Protein backbone atom coordinates (compact mmCIF):
# COMPACT_ATOMS: atom_id res chain seq x y z
CA MET A 1 20.76 -28.55 -21.61
CA MET A 2 18.45 -25.97 -20.03
CA SER A 3 16.63 -23.44 -22.21
CA LEU A 4 17.17 -19.67 -21.85
CA SER A 5 13.53 -19.41 -20.43
CA THR A 6 14.20 -21.97 -17.78
CA ILE A 7 17.63 -20.27 -16.86
CA LEU A 8 15.74 -16.90 -16.42
CA LEU A 9 13.03 -18.22 -14.47
CA VAL A 10 15.22 -19.75 -11.88
CA LEU A 11 17.61 -16.87 -11.72
CA THR A 12 14.75 -14.27 -11.26
CA PRO A 13 14.62 -15.16 -7.50
CA VAL A 14 17.87 -17.09 -7.07
CA LEU A 15 20.24 -14.48 -8.21
CA PRO A 16 19.20 -11.86 -5.65
CA ALA A 17 19.01 -14.47 -2.88
CA VAL A 18 22.63 -15.47 -3.72
CA MET A 19 23.62 -12.06 -3.62
CA ALA A 20 22.01 -11.40 -0.20
CA VAL A 21 23.92 -14.16 1.24
CA ALA A 22 27.19 -12.89 -0.28
CA ALA A 23 26.37 -9.25 1.11
CA LEU A 24 26.65 -10.66 4.69
CA VAL A 25 30.24 -11.59 3.99
CA PRO A 26 32.47 -8.70 5.05
CA ALA A 27 34.93 -9.27 1.92
CA PHE A 28 31.94 -8.85 -0.53
CA GLU A 29 30.16 -5.93 1.26
CA ARG A 30 31.41 -3.10 -0.72
CA ILE A 31 30.99 -5.01 -4.09
CA ILE A 32 27.34 -6.02 -3.33
CA LEU A 33 26.48 -2.40 -2.25
CA ARG A 34 27.63 -1.16 -5.63
CA THR A 35 26.34 -3.77 -7.74
CA GLY A 36 22.87 -4.65 -6.10
CA TRP A 37 21.16 -3.21 -9.30
CA ILE A 38 22.43 -6.39 -11.03
CA ALA A 39 19.85 -8.59 -9.02
CA PRO A 40 16.77 -7.51 -10.82
CA LEU A 41 18.18 -7.99 -14.46
CA PRO A 42 17.13 -11.66 -14.67
CA ALA A 43 13.54 -10.60 -13.89
CA LEU A 44 13.53 -7.89 -16.50
CA ALA A 45 14.99 -10.19 -19.02
CA ALA A 46 12.38 -12.82 -18.14
CA ILE A 47 9.70 -10.39 -18.93
CA ALA A 48 11.22 -10.05 -22.54
CA PHE A 49 12.15 -13.67 -23.35
CA VAL A 50 10.04 -16.16 -21.34
CA PRO A 51 6.68 -16.71 -23.07
CA ASP A 52 3.36 -17.13 -21.23
CA GLY A 53 2.73 -20.47 -19.68
CA ARG A 54 6.41 -21.56 -19.77
CA SER A 55 7.00 -23.36 -16.38
CA VAL A 56 9.93 -24.92 -14.52
CA VAL A 57 9.39 -27.90 -12.05
CA LEU A 58 12.26 -28.49 -9.43
CA HIS A 59 11.58 -32.03 -8.74
CA ASP A 60 14.02 -32.25 -5.96
CA PHE A 61 12.87 -29.04 -4.35
CA LEU A 62 9.94 -28.69 -1.91
CA PHE A 63 7.82 -31.53 -3.21
CA GLY A 64 8.29 -30.63 -6.82
CA ALA A 65 7.82 -26.84 -6.45
CA GLY A 66 8.52 -24.64 -9.43
CA PHE A 67 7.82 -21.37 -11.31
CA VAL A 68 5.61 -20.36 -14.01
CA MET A 69 5.18 -17.07 -16.33
CA THR A 70 1.65 -15.93 -16.22
CA PRO A 71 0.17 -12.76 -18.15
CA THR A 72 -0.62 -11.03 -14.84
CA GLY A 73 2.55 -12.15 -13.24
CA ARG A 74 4.57 -10.84 -16.30
CA ALA A 75 2.85 -7.31 -15.99
CA VAL A 76 3.44 -7.17 -12.22
CA LEU A 77 6.97 -8.61 -12.42
CA GLY A 78 7.89 -5.97 -15.05
CA PHE A 79 7.29 -2.73 -12.99
CA THR A 80 8.38 -4.60 -9.77
CA ALA A 81 11.70 -5.43 -11.03
CA PHE A 82 12.25 -1.91 -12.52
CA LEU A 83 11.48 -0.30 -9.24
CA TRP A 84 13.69 -2.72 -7.43
CA LEU A 85 16.57 -1.82 -9.76
CA LEU A 86 16.01 2.02 -9.08
CA ALA A 87 15.59 1.26 -5.44
CA ALA A 88 18.81 -0.68 -5.37
CA MET A 89 20.79 2.05 -7.17
CA ASN A 90 19.29 4.78 -4.88
CA ALA A 91 20.25 2.75 -1.68
CA GLY A 92 23.89 2.99 -2.50
CA ALA A 93 23.84 6.62 -2.41
CA TYR A 94 21.05 7.07 0.32
CA LEU A 95 22.80 4.88 3.11
CA SER A 96 25.36 6.76 5.16
CA PRO A 97 28.60 4.93 5.72
CA SER A 98 28.04 4.83 9.47
CA SER A 99 24.72 2.98 9.03
CA PRO A 100 24.51 -1.05 9.05
CA ARG A 101 24.82 -1.01 5.30
CA ARG A 102 25.79 -4.65 5.08
CA ARG A 103 22.72 -5.81 7.06
CA PHE A 104 20.54 -3.61 4.95
CA ALA A 105 21.96 -4.89 1.58
CA GLY A 106 21.54 -8.48 2.64
CA LEU A 107 17.95 -8.10 3.79
CA PHE A 108 17.05 -5.78 1.04
CA LEU A 109 18.12 -8.39 -1.56
CA LEU A 110 16.50 -11.16 0.29
CA VAL A 111 13.11 -9.37 0.20
CA MET A 112 13.78 -8.65 -3.43
CA ALA A 113 14.10 -12.50 -4.13
CA GLY A 114 10.78 -13.23 -2.20
CA ASN A 115 9.03 -10.43 -4.00
CA PHE A 116 10.17 -11.84 -7.35
CA GLY A 117 9.78 -15.51 -6.33
CA LEU A 118 6.02 -15.19 -5.31
CA LEU A 119 5.06 -13.59 -8.75
CA ILE A 120 6.23 -16.62 -10.63
CA ALA A 121 5.49 -19.35 -8.10
CA ARG A 122 3.41 -22.06 -9.60
CA ASP A 123 2.48 -24.07 -6.31
CA PHE A 124 1.85 -23.56 -2.62
CA PRO A 125 5.30 -24.50 -1.26
CA SER A 126 7.28 -22.02 -3.52
CA PHE A 127 4.77 -19.18 -2.97
CA TYR A 128 4.65 -19.75 0.69
CA LEU A 129 8.58 -19.71 0.83
CA PHE A 130 8.84 -16.59 -1.12
CA PHE A 131 5.89 -14.70 0.54
CA ALA A 132 7.42 -15.51 4.00
CA MET A 133 10.93 -14.53 2.90
CA MET A 134 9.59 -11.11 1.63
CA SER A 135 7.36 -10.53 4.60
CA LEU A 136 9.53 -11.65 7.52
CA ALA A 137 12.93 -10.03 6.15
CA SER A 138 11.20 -6.78 5.57
CA TYR A 139 11.08 -6.35 9.35
CA VAL A 140 14.93 -5.57 9.31
CA LEU A 141 14.28 -2.93 6.78
CA VAL A 142 11.59 -1.23 8.93
CA VAL A 143 13.76 -1.13 12.04
CA HIS A 144 16.78 -0.17 10.09
CA ASP A 145 17.82 3.03 12.02
CA GLN A 146 16.93 1.21 15.49
CA SER A 147 15.13 4.42 16.59
CA ASP A 148 12.19 4.12 18.88
CA LYS A 149 9.77 4.90 16.16
CA ALA A 150 11.34 2.49 13.86
CA LEU A 151 11.29 -0.27 16.72
CA HIS A 152 7.53 0.45 17.53
CA ALA A 153 6.82 0.16 13.78
CA GLY A 154 8.54 -2.95 13.32
CA SER A 155 6.92 -4.72 16.34
CA VAL A 156 3.48 -3.85 14.87
CA TYR A 157 4.52 -5.05 11.45
CA ILE A 158 5.95 -8.33 12.54
CA VAL A 159 3.01 -9.26 14.70
CA LEU A 160 0.58 -8.78 11.67
CA ALA A 161 3.08 -10.31 9.20
CA VAL A 162 2.96 -13.58 11.48
CA ILE A 163 -0.82 -13.46 11.63
CA GLY A 164 -0.80 -13.41 7.80
CA GLU A 165 1.71 -16.03 7.26
CA THR A 166 -0.39 -18.37 9.51
CA ALA A 167 -3.51 -17.53 7.94
CA LEU A 168 -1.89 -18.22 4.46
CA LEU A 169 -0.37 -21.59 5.64
CA VAL A 170 -3.52 -22.90 7.03
CA GLY A 171 -5.47 -21.80 4.01
CA MET A 172 -2.94 -23.46 1.77
CA MET A 173 -3.54 -26.92 3.69
CA LEU A 174 -7.27 -26.47 3.23
CA ALA A 175 -7.05 -25.81 -0.36
CA ALA A 176 -4.42 -28.59 -0.92
CA VAL A 177 -6.98 -31.00 0.58
CA THR A 178 -9.72 -29.76 -1.36
CA SER A 179 -7.79 -29.74 -4.75
CA GLY A 180 -5.83 -33.00 -4.11
CA GLY A 181 -2.54 -31.20 -4.97
CA ILE A 182 -0.23 -28.23 -4.40
CA SER A 183 -0.89 -26.32 -7.75
CA ILE A 184 -2.25 -22.82 -7.22
CA ALA A 185 -4.05 -22.69 -10.51
CA ASP A 186 -5.75 -26.21 -9.74
CA ALA A 187 -6.52 -25.00 -6.10
CA ARG A 188 -8.28 -21.72 -7.31
CA LEU A 189 -10.48 -23.88 -9.63
CA ALA A 190 -11.23 -26.29 -6.85
CA LEU A 191 -12.21 -23.56 -4.48
CA ASN A 192 -15.03 -22.63 -6.72
CA PRO A 193 -17.92 -22.27 -5.91
CA PRO A 194 -16.78 -20.41 -2.89
CA GLY A 195 -19.67 -21.16 -0.42
CA PRO A 196 -18.51 -24.70 0.54
CA ASN A 197 -14.74 -23.37 0.75
CA ALA A 198 -15.44 -20.23 2.61
CA VAL A 199 -13.00 -21.08 5.36
CA ALA A 200 -9.95 -21.47 3.09
CA ILE A 201 -11.05 -18.44 1.08
CA VAL A 202 -11.46 -16.25 4.22
CA LEU A 203 -7.95 -17.28 5.46
CA PHE A 204 -6.42 -16.30 2.03
CA ALA A 205 -8.25 -13.02 1.99
CA LEU A 206 -7.15 -12.27 5.63
CA ALA A 207 -3.52 -12.99 4.81
CA PHE A 208 -3.59 -10.81 1.62
CA ALA A 209 -5.60 -8.09 3.14
CA ILE A 210 -2.89 -7.48 5.74
CA LYS A 211 -0.24 -7.16 3.03
CA MET A 212 -2.59 -4.70 1.24
CA GLY A 213 -3.27 -2.70 4.22
CA LEU A 214 -7.01 -3.02 4.12
CA PHE A 215 -9.04 -1.57 7.12
CA PRO A 216 -8.69 -2.59 9.99
CA LEU A 217 -5.63 -4.48 9.21
CA HIS A 218 -3.74 -1.51 7.80
CA VAL A 219 -2.17 -0.25 11.15
CA TRP A 220 1.35 -1.49 10.25
CA LEU A 221 1.46 0.44 6.89
CA PRO A 222 1.39 4.10 7.94
CA LEU A 223 3.93 3.23 10.84
CA ALA A 224 6.34 1.07 8.72
CA HIS A 225 6.66 3.22 5.45
CA PRO A 226 7.65 6.57 7.35
CA ALA A 227 9.97 4.53 9.62
CA ALA A 228 11.88 2.67 7.00
CA PRO A 229 14.69 4.26 4.71
CA ALA A 230 13.43 5.78 1.62
CA PRO A 231 14.68 2.90 -0.89
CA ALA A 232 12.90 0.48 1.46
CA SER A 233 9.77 2.59 1.67
CA ALA A 234 9.72 2.95 -2.18
CA VAL A 235 9.50 -0.80 -2.54
CA LEU A 236 7.30 -1.49 0.49
CA SER A 237 4.64 0.89 -1.11
CA GLY A 238 5.45 0.45 -4.63
CA THR A 239 5.66 -3.34 -5.04
CA MET A 240 5.22 -5.32 -1.68
CA ILE A 241 1.73 -4.29 -1.00
CA LYS A 242 0.85 -5.23 -4.41
CA ALA A 243 1.98 -8.70 -3.53
CA GLY A 244 -1.25 -8.75 -1.45
CA LEU A 245 -3.38 -7.72 -4.35
CA PHE A 246 -1.47 -10.32 -6.66
CA GLY A 247 -2.34 -12.98 -4.07
CA MET A 248 -5.96 -12.29 -3.98
CA ILE A 249 -6.10 -12.33 -7.73
CA THR A 250 -4.15 -15.69 -7.92
CA PHE A 251 -5.75 -17.62 -5.04
CA LEU A 252 -9.51 -16.33 -4.67
CA PRO A 253 -11.95 -17.76 -7.39
CA ILE A 254 -12.82 -14.21 -8.55
CA GLY A 255 -14.20 -14.20 -12.01
CA LEU A 256 -15.57 -17.64 -11.83
CA ASP A 257 -18.91 -18.22 -10.13
CA PRO A 258 -20.39 -15.22 -8.62
CA TRP A 259 -20.33 -14.80 -4.77
CA SER A 260 -22.26 -11.82 -3.69
CA ALA A 261 -21.29 -12.22 -0.11
CA GLY A 262 -17.70 -12.16 -0.57
CA GLY A 263 -17.73 -9.49 -3.11
CA THR A 264 -20.00 -7.29 -1.24
CA VAL A 265 -17.57 -7.43 1.78
CA LEU A 266 -14.57 -6.62 -0.27
CA ILE A 267 -16.47 -3.70 -1.89
CA VAL A 268 -17.63 -2.22 1.44
CA ILE A 269 -14.14 -2.88 3.05
CA GLY A 270 -12.37 -1.45 0.16
CA LEU A 271 -14.40 1.80 -0.34
CA PHE A 272 -14.18 2.37 3.39
CA THR A 273 -10.60 1.90 3.32
CA ALA A 274 -10.14 4.31 0.37
CA PHE A 275 -11.93 7.21 2.23
CA TYR A 276 -10.49 6.39 5.66
CA GLY A 277 -6.98 6.60 4.27
CA VAL A 278 -7.66 9.99 3.05
CA ILE A 279 -9.17 11.24 6.32
CA CYS A 280 -6.19 9.91 8.30
CA GLY A 281 -3.67 11.04 5.57
CA VAL A 282 -4.65 14.82 5.46
CA ALA A 283 -4.22 14.90 9.45
CA GLN A 284 -0.49 13.98 9.15
CA ASP A 285 2.59 16.14 9.43
CA ASP A 286 5.08 13.85 7.97
CA ALA A 287 5.28 13.50 4.06
CA LYS A 288 6.05 9.82 3.99
CA ALA A 289 3.13 9.29 6.35
CA VAL A 290 0.79 11.08 3.91
CA LEU A 291 2.17 8.94 1.12
CA ALA A 292 1.65 5.87 3.23
CA TYR A 293 -2.08 6.55 3.96
CA SER A 294 -2.33 7.32 0.13
CA SER A 295 -1.24 3.83 -0.59
CA LEU A 296 -3.78 2.54 1.94
CA SER A 297 -6.54 4.48 0.03
CA GLN A 298 -5.44 3.16 -3.36
CA MET A 299 -5.50 -0.41 -2.34
CA GLY A 300 -8.93 0.06 -1.05
CA ILE A 301 -10.07 1.19 -4.56
CA LEU A 302 -8.42 -1.91 -5.96
CA ALA A 303 -9.94 -4.24 -3.30
CA ALA A 304 -13.46 -2.72 -4.27
CA ALA A 305 -12.72 -3.48 -7.93
CA LEU A 306 -12.07 -7.20 -6.98
CA GLY A 307 -15.25 -7.28 -5.11
CA VAL A 308 -17.13 -6.19 -8.26
CA GLY A 309 -15.45 -8.85 -10.23
CA TRP A 310 -16.50 -11.48 -7.69
CA THR A 311 -20.28 -10.20 -7.78
CA ALA A 312 -20.19 -9.76 -11.65
CA PRO A 313 -17.81 -12.30 -13.31
CA ALA A 314 -18.74 -11.33 -16.65
CA VAL A 315 -16.44 -8.04 -16.22
CA TRP A 316 -13.70 -9.72 -14.64
CA PRO A 317 -11.39 -10.01 -17.63
CA ALA A 318 -11.85 -6.24 -18.28
CA LEU A 319 -11.45 -5.69 -14.54
CA LEU A 320 -8.34 -7.61 -14.38
CA VAL A 321 -6.70 -5.48 -17.05
CA ALA A 322 -7.81 -2.31 -15.26
CA VAL A 323 -6.48 -3.60 -12.03
CA THR A 324 -3.07 -4.39 -13.51
CA VAL A 325 -2.87 -1.05 -15.26
CA TYR A 326 -3.69 0.62 -11.90
CA MET A 327 -0.85 -1.41 -10.19
CA LEU A 328 1.76 -0.22 -12.84
CA HIS A 329 0.59 3.41 -12.50
CA HIS A 330 0.50 3.37 -8.61
CA GLY A 331 3.59 1.30 -8.08
CA LEU A 332 6.05 3.33 -10.08
CA THR A 333 4.51 6.79 -9.20
CA LYS A 334 4.28 6.09 -5.46
CA GLY A 335 7.85 4.44 -5.46
CA GLY A 336 9.14 7.50 -7.16
CA LEU A 337 7.60 10.01 -4.61
CA PHE A 338 9.23 8.05 -1.72
CA LEU A 339 12.54 8.27 -3.58
CA LEU A 340 11.99 11.95 -4.10
CA VAL A 341 11.30 12.48 -0.42
CA GLY A 342 14.49 10.57 0.55
CA ALA A 343 16.45 12.67 -1.97
CA ARG A 344 15.35 15.81 -0.41
CA GLN A 345 16.08 14.45 3.17
CA LYS A 346 19.48 13.66 1.99
CA GLY A 347 20.11 17.06 0.68
CA ALA A 348 20.06 16.43 -2.96
CA MET A 349 18.11 19.37 -3.96
CA THR A 350 19.91 22.50 -4.81
CA ALA A 351 18.86 26.02 -5.98
CA GLY A 352 19.47 24.92 -9.50
CA SER A 353 17.43 21.66 -9.29
CA ARG A 354 14.52 23.30 -7.29
CA VAL A 355 12.42 23.59 -10.40
CA ALA A 356 13.01 19.94 -11.28
CA PHE A 357 11.99 18.89 -7.70
CA ILE A 358 8.87 20.88 -7.81
CA LEU A 359 7.90 19.50 -11.24
CA LEU A 360 8.56 16.00 -10.30
CA ALA A 361 6.65 16.19 -7.01
CA SER A 362 3.73 17.85 -8.70
CA VAL A 363 3.49 15.49 -11.69
CA GLY A 364 3.82 12.34 -9.35
CA ALA A 365 1.43 13.62 -6.74
CA LEU A 366 -1.33 14.99 -9.13
CA ALA A 367 -1.12 11.72 -11.21
CA LEU A 368 -2.27 9.94 -8.18
CA ALA A 369 -5.41 12.17 -8.18
CA GLY A 370 -6.05 11.52 -11.96
CA LEU A 371 -4.53 14.62 -13.38
CA PRO A 372 -5.73 14.69 -17.15
CA LEU A 373 -3.41 12.91 -19.62
CA SER A 374 -1.36 11.39 -16.75
CA SER A 375 -0.94 7.71 -15.93
CA GLY A 376 -3.46 8.19 -13.29
CA ALA A 377 -6.08 9.46 -15.74
CA VAL A 378 -5.46 6.30 -17.79
CA ALA A 379 -5.82 4.07 -14.86
CA LYS A 380 -8.93 5.66 -13.40
CA LEU A 381 -10.73 5.72 -16.78
CA THR A 382 -9.88 2.16 -17.49
CA LEU A 383 -11.06 1.11 -13.93
CA LYS A 384 -14.34 2.91 -14.18
CA SER A 385 -15.12 1.68 -17.59
CA ALA A 386 -14.61 -1.88 -16.43
CA ILE A 387 -16.90 -1.49 -13.51
CA GLU A 388 -19.63 0.23 -15.58
CA GLY A 389 -19.55 -2.93 -17.64
CA ALA A 390 -21.51 -4.60 -14.85
CA SER A 391 -24.55 -2.55 -15.79
CA THR A 392 -25.94 -2.48 -12.41
CA GLU A 393 -27.26 0.26 -10.12
CA ALA A 394 -24.64 -0.84 -7.53
CA ALA A 395 -21.79 -0.61 -10.10
CA ASP A 396 -22.96 3.02 -11.00
CA ARG A 397 -22.84 3.96 -7.30
CA ILE A 398 -19.47 2.53 -6.86
CA VAL A 399 -18.27 4.58 -10.05
CA THR A 400 -19.64 7.65 -8.33
CA LEU A 401 -17.82 6.89 -5.20
CA LEU A 402 -14.60 6.42 -7.32
CA SER A 403 -15.07 9.91 -8.57
CA LEU A 404 -15.49 11.24 -5.16
CA SER A 405 -12.39 9.26 -3.97
CA ALA A 406 -10.48 11.23 -6.77
CA VAL A 407 -11.62 14.26 -4.94
CA ALA A 408 -10.51 13.08 -1.58
CA THR A 409 -7.21 11.92 -3.11
CA THR A 410 -6.63 15.50 -4.48
CA LEU A 411 -6.86 16.74 -0.84
CA LEU A 412 -4.32 14.10 0.21
CA VAL A 413 -1.68 14.87 -2.43
CA LEU A 414 -2.09 18.56 -1.83
CA ARG A 415 -1.41 17.92 1.69
CA PHE A 416 1.76 16.08 0.70
CA LEU A 417 3.05 18.78 -1.62
CA TYR A 418 2.54 21.30 1.25
CA ILE A 419 4.40 19.14 3.68
CA PHE A 420 7.17 18.28 1.23
CA ALA A 421 7.33 21.87 -0.02
CA PRO A 422 10.30 21.86 -2.51
CA TRP A 423 9.75 25.61 -3.26
CA ARG A 424 10.93 26.24 0.36
CA PRO A 425 14.60 26.17 0.83
CA THR A 426 16.05 24.54 3.92
CA ALA A 427 19.52 24.44 5.50
CA ASN A 428 19.97 20.74 4.28
CA ASP A 429 19.69 21.63 0.62
CA GLY A 430 22.82 20.81 -1.36
CA SER A 431 24.50 18.92 1.43
CA ALA A 432 24.78 15.66 -0.58
CA ALA A 433 27.90 15.12 -2.83
CA GLY A 434 27.53 15.53 -6.51
CA PRO A 435 27.32 11.96 -7.53
CA ALA A 436 24.90 11.14 -4.67
CA ARG A 437 22.85 14.02 -5.74
CA ARG A 438 22.46 12.91 -9.43
CA ILE A 439 21.71 9.15 -8.25
CA LEU A 440 19.09 10.11 -5.64
CA THR A 441 17.37 12.65 -8.00
CA GLY A 442 17.70 10.45 -11.19
CA THR A 443 16.29 7.28 -9.73
CA ALA A 444 13.31 9.22 -8.28
CA ALA A 445 12.72 11.02 -11.68
CA ALA A 446 13.11 7.72 -13.40
CA SER A 447 10.39 6.03 -11.53
CA ILE A 448 8.09 8.83 -11.61
CA LEU A 449 8.36 9.50 -15.36
CA SER A 450 8.60 5.81 -16.35
CA GLY A 451 5.21 5.49 -14.66
CA GLN A 452 3.65 8.13 -16.88
CA VAL A 453 5.10 6.57 -20.03
CA ALA A 454 4.90 2.72 -19.54
CA ILE A 455 1.28 2.85 -18.98
CA TRP A 456 0.62 3.73 -22.58
CA TRP A 457 2.05 0.42 -23.65
CA ILE A 458 -0.13 -1.83 -21.48
CA ALA A 459 -3.46 0.02 -21.21
CA PRO A 460 -6.25 -0.76 -23.67
CA ALA A 461 -6.01 1.50 -26.91
CA SER A 462 -9.62 2.50 -26.43
CA LYS A 463 -9.08 3.85 -22.90
CA ILE A 464 -5.99 5.86 -24.10
CA ALA A 465 -8.07 7.43 -26.79
CA ASP A 466 -10.73 8.24 -24.07
CA THR A 467 -8.09 9.94 -22.08
CA PHE A 468 -7.55 12.56 -24.95
CA SER A 469 -11.29 12.97 -25.53
CA ALA A 470 -13.44 15.51 -24.03
CA TYR A 471 -15.19 12.91 -22.01
CA GLY A 472 -11.82 11.84 -20.54
CA LEU A 473 -10.64 15.39 -19.85
CA TRP A 474 -13.94 16.10 -18.06
CA GLU A 475 -14.07 12.87 -16.17
CA ASN A 476 -10.47 13.35 -14.73
CA GLY A 477 -10.68 17.23 -14.56
CA TRP A 478 -13.73 17.96 -12.47
CA PRO A 479 -12.61 15.69 -9.37
CA LEU A 480 -9.30 17.58 -9.49
CA ALA A 481 -10.80 21.04 -9.72
CA VAL A 482 -13.43 20.29 -6.94
CA GLY A 483 -10.46 19.05 -4.52
CA LEU A 484 -8.48 22.14 -5.35
CA GLY A 485 -11.50 24.17 -4.43
CA VAL A 486 -12.13 22.23 -1.20
CA ALA A 487 -8.34 22.60 -0.21
CA ALA A 488 -8.57 26.26 -0.77
CA ALA A 489 -11.78 26.61 1.38
CA SER A 490 -10.33 24.52 4.03
CA MET A 491 -7.19 26.55 4.30
CA LEU A 492 -9.25 29.74 4.75
CA ALA A 493 -11.54 28.01 7.34
CA VAL A 494 -8.79 26.80 9.54
CA ARG A 495 -6.43 29.65 9.20
CA GLY A 496 -5.02 30.64 12.68
CA ARG A 497 -6.45 27.61 14.27
CA GLN A 498 -4.71 24.32 15.36
CA ALA A 499 -6.01 21.55 13.33
CA TRP A 500 -6.47 17.99 14.82
CA ARG A 501 -3.83 15.30 13.95
CA VAL A 502 -4.46 11.66 13.66
CA PRO A 503 -1.34 9.71 15.14
CA GLN A 504 0.31 7.27 12.80
CA GLY A 505 -1.24 3.95 13.12
CA ASP A 506 -4.63 5.62 14.09
CA LEU A 507 -6.43 2.70 15.36
CA LEU A 508 -3.53 1.83 17.69
CA ALA A 509 -4.07 5.03 19.64
CA LEU A 510 -7.45 3.76 20.72
CA SER A 511 -5.69 1.18 22.80
CA SER A 512 -3.24 3.63 24.35
CA PRO A 513 -3.42 4.25 27.98
CA PRO A 514 -5.22 7.69 27.89
CA ALA A 515 -7.83 6.21 25.41
CA VAL A 516 -8.51 3.25 27.69
CA ALA A 517 -8.82 5.64 30.44
CA LEU A 518 -11.24 7.72 28.70
CA ALA A 519 -13.30 4.61 27.57
CA ALA A 520 -13.34 3.34 31.22
CA SER A 521 -14.60 6.50 32.34
CA SER A 522 -17.21 6.76 29.77
CA VAL A 523 -18.59 3.31 30.75
CA ARG A 524 -18.77 4.31 34.40
CA LEU A 525 -20.47 7.56 33.32
CA ALA A 526 -23.23 5.50 31.27
CA ARG A 527 -23.84 3.06 34.32
CA LYS A 528 -24.32 5.88 36.78
CA VAL A 529 -26.68 7.56 34.43
CA SER A 530 -28.77 4.34 34.10
CA GLU A 531 -28.67 3.75 37.95
CA TYR A 532 -29.60 7.24 39.12
CA SER A 533 -31.83 8.44 36.18
CA GLY A 534 -34.35 9.78 38.74
CA SER A 535 -31.76 12.30 39.87
CA ALA A 536 -30.02 13.63 36.75
CA VAL A 537 -28.16 16.50 38.29
CA ARG A 538 -26.66 14.53 41.18
CA CYS A 539 -25.83 11.61 38.77
CA VAL A 540 -23.98 14.07 36.32
CA ARG A 541 -22.10 15.72 39.19
CA SER A 542 -21.09 12.20 40.61
CA SER A 543 -19.94 10.97 37.05
CA VAL A 544 -17.86 14.11 36.19
CA GLN A 545 -16.16 13.88 39.71
CA SER A 546 -15.53 10.07 39.00
CA VAL A 547 -14.25 11.03 35.66
CA TRP A 548 -12.03 13.58 37.08
CA ASP A 549 -10.61 11.64 39.79
CA ASP A 550 -9.79 8.64 37.40
CA SER A 551 -8.08 10.87 35.03
CA VAL A 552 -5.91 12.50 37.59
CA ARG A 553 -4.97 9.12 38.78
CA ARG A 554 -4.01 7.51 35.29
CA ARG A 555 -2.60 10.35 33.69
CA SER A 556 -1.49 12.84 36.48
CA GLY A 557 -3.57 15.64 35.02
CA ILE A 558 -6.90 15.73 33.27
CA GLU A 559 -5.72 18.34 30.66
CA ASP A 560 -3.14 15.76 29.36
CA ALA A 561 -5.56 12.92 29.22
CA VAL A 562 -8.14 15.03 27.29
CA ASN A 563 -5.56 16.43 24.80
CA ARG A 564 -3.91 13.33 24.07
CA ALA A 565 -7.03 10.90 24.27
CA VAL A 566 -9.57 13.23 22.80
CA GLY A 567 -7.66 15.55 20.69
CA GLN A 568 -5.86 12.79 18.69
CA ARG A 569 -7.51 9.42 19.41
CA ALA A 570 -11.22 10.45 19.53
CA VAL A 571 -10.71 11.90 15.82
CA THR A 572 -9.98 8.42 14.68
CA ALA A 573 -13.15 7.01 16.13
CA ILE A 574 -15.04 9.87 14.65
CA SER A 575 -13.34 9.46 11.22
CA ILE A 576 -14.43 5.65 11.27
CA ILE A 577 -18.07 6.54 12.07
CA ALA A 578 -18.16 9.38 9.40
CA VAL A 579 -16.84 7.35 6.58
CA ALA A 580 -19.29 4.41 7.35
CA ALA A 581 -22.22 6.66 7.58
CA ALA A 582 -21.35 8.35 4.21
CA LEU A 583 -20.68 4.97 2.42
CA PHE A 584 -23.88 3.54 3.79
CA ALA A 585 -25.88 6.52 2.53
CA VAL A 586 -24.38 6.34 -0.98
CA LEU A 587 -24.71 2.50 -1.45
CA ARG A 588 -28.29 2.51 0.02
CA GLY A 589 -29.17 5.38 -2.39
């Protein structure tokens, strides 16, 4: 007879997968839509009853694939399952009867099964199966409403998802040859030292960097999150991008032998992503796009932390705890904010609940910036303390940059609050039915508030104490205060002026027709300057005329080309250069 642990481990991914199949049968559609919240219950039970190290081998399935409960997997599975439960409850009230609810329910549950399965996978075949299931089925969630925006986001997402799946599969093949087996834990040890196994490691890092949204592989994220329905956006940002981070922790030999090259690359890309996400985020007009760029920024911070662990293995145990704490804080808080935006969009806010919406939005948003005594304060202090343990000059600079990133994040969340603006009534307020209002608002509140409470149970006791100390209040308070001051000064400086906007997907805009036309014209201009350097005046006149003629032919008007190519596209390139220069200056001292 199978033990309770075995049953729970198997049911964790199997129950949502079975319910996904049932949801596609018309006779079961209504039942599944109402009971989708049951699917995460085995995962939540497994957190409580399955001990660390307990494994299950399915000898007749995928070459002996199976599941295992690890300490990190348990922590991530806990907040992941809870957020999926809330999102499933939310979806029933969010989706309108005229939308393709059966298709959404089936794929939503299939993505859930993949998300749960990869967190307890013990070997390559099972991890790849669930990772691919989660990644590819998510496409249908992104394109749910079939709008042009959603279809464009889905096309970008699926291309990068397939690239990631391919890199992951090839990396697994190389790692299996190196380790002589399919066990993830054995392969991780076999890939150490990293130098001789660099190809497999780079492929793993590429696959998981796409899922995390690290620059320059992030372009799917700010497109997909705003396009998807709010319940899907909540799990996309709250749990599924964490699968990339979990993959890096599980597959890469971080914390074993030091690898300065790999660690430095992760640190630089991570910090660049952190600040670049903020620059693009504050130039958005859509609340969900701002939250998407915020997720990009936070994943950059965690990638940099992994890089520190790779360069200084002695601090990896403390860093792993800090990263796990940070994941819980960000997952539940960000997922709740996406649900709150969806609740507002569906008319769940009334005159009587406006104060509650303001408080929930403010607590969640400011917690992301490290509001003192919030979950963000605990997470940021824990992460900084772990990095400081490396006791190097580079670690001190990284901690300084993390404090500056908190200032930048403050600007980003203030931008979100300004756009979301629950204090300003709209014609849509109160249009949702009473039961739907309670579900939409309640699930958002449960996610945000549980993120603030749950962190006290998993964070180190010393860091919780630091949060209440004068040191902790100062360390978390001054970046927030500076961010508020910069935001106020910026509003005064741009009053009455039209601010530049970065298009969602930022880098993709550089390949658009107007941007390509501008780049081609610039190349011709440079060529003419070099050929006719002896006659600068004639050269400039000729080049300007060439640019003018080119723009007229390509865009039927120079004004449209300049406004769209320079006004929105050039700011992306300028942002990249500015962030790179700033990081280089700080890291070089």
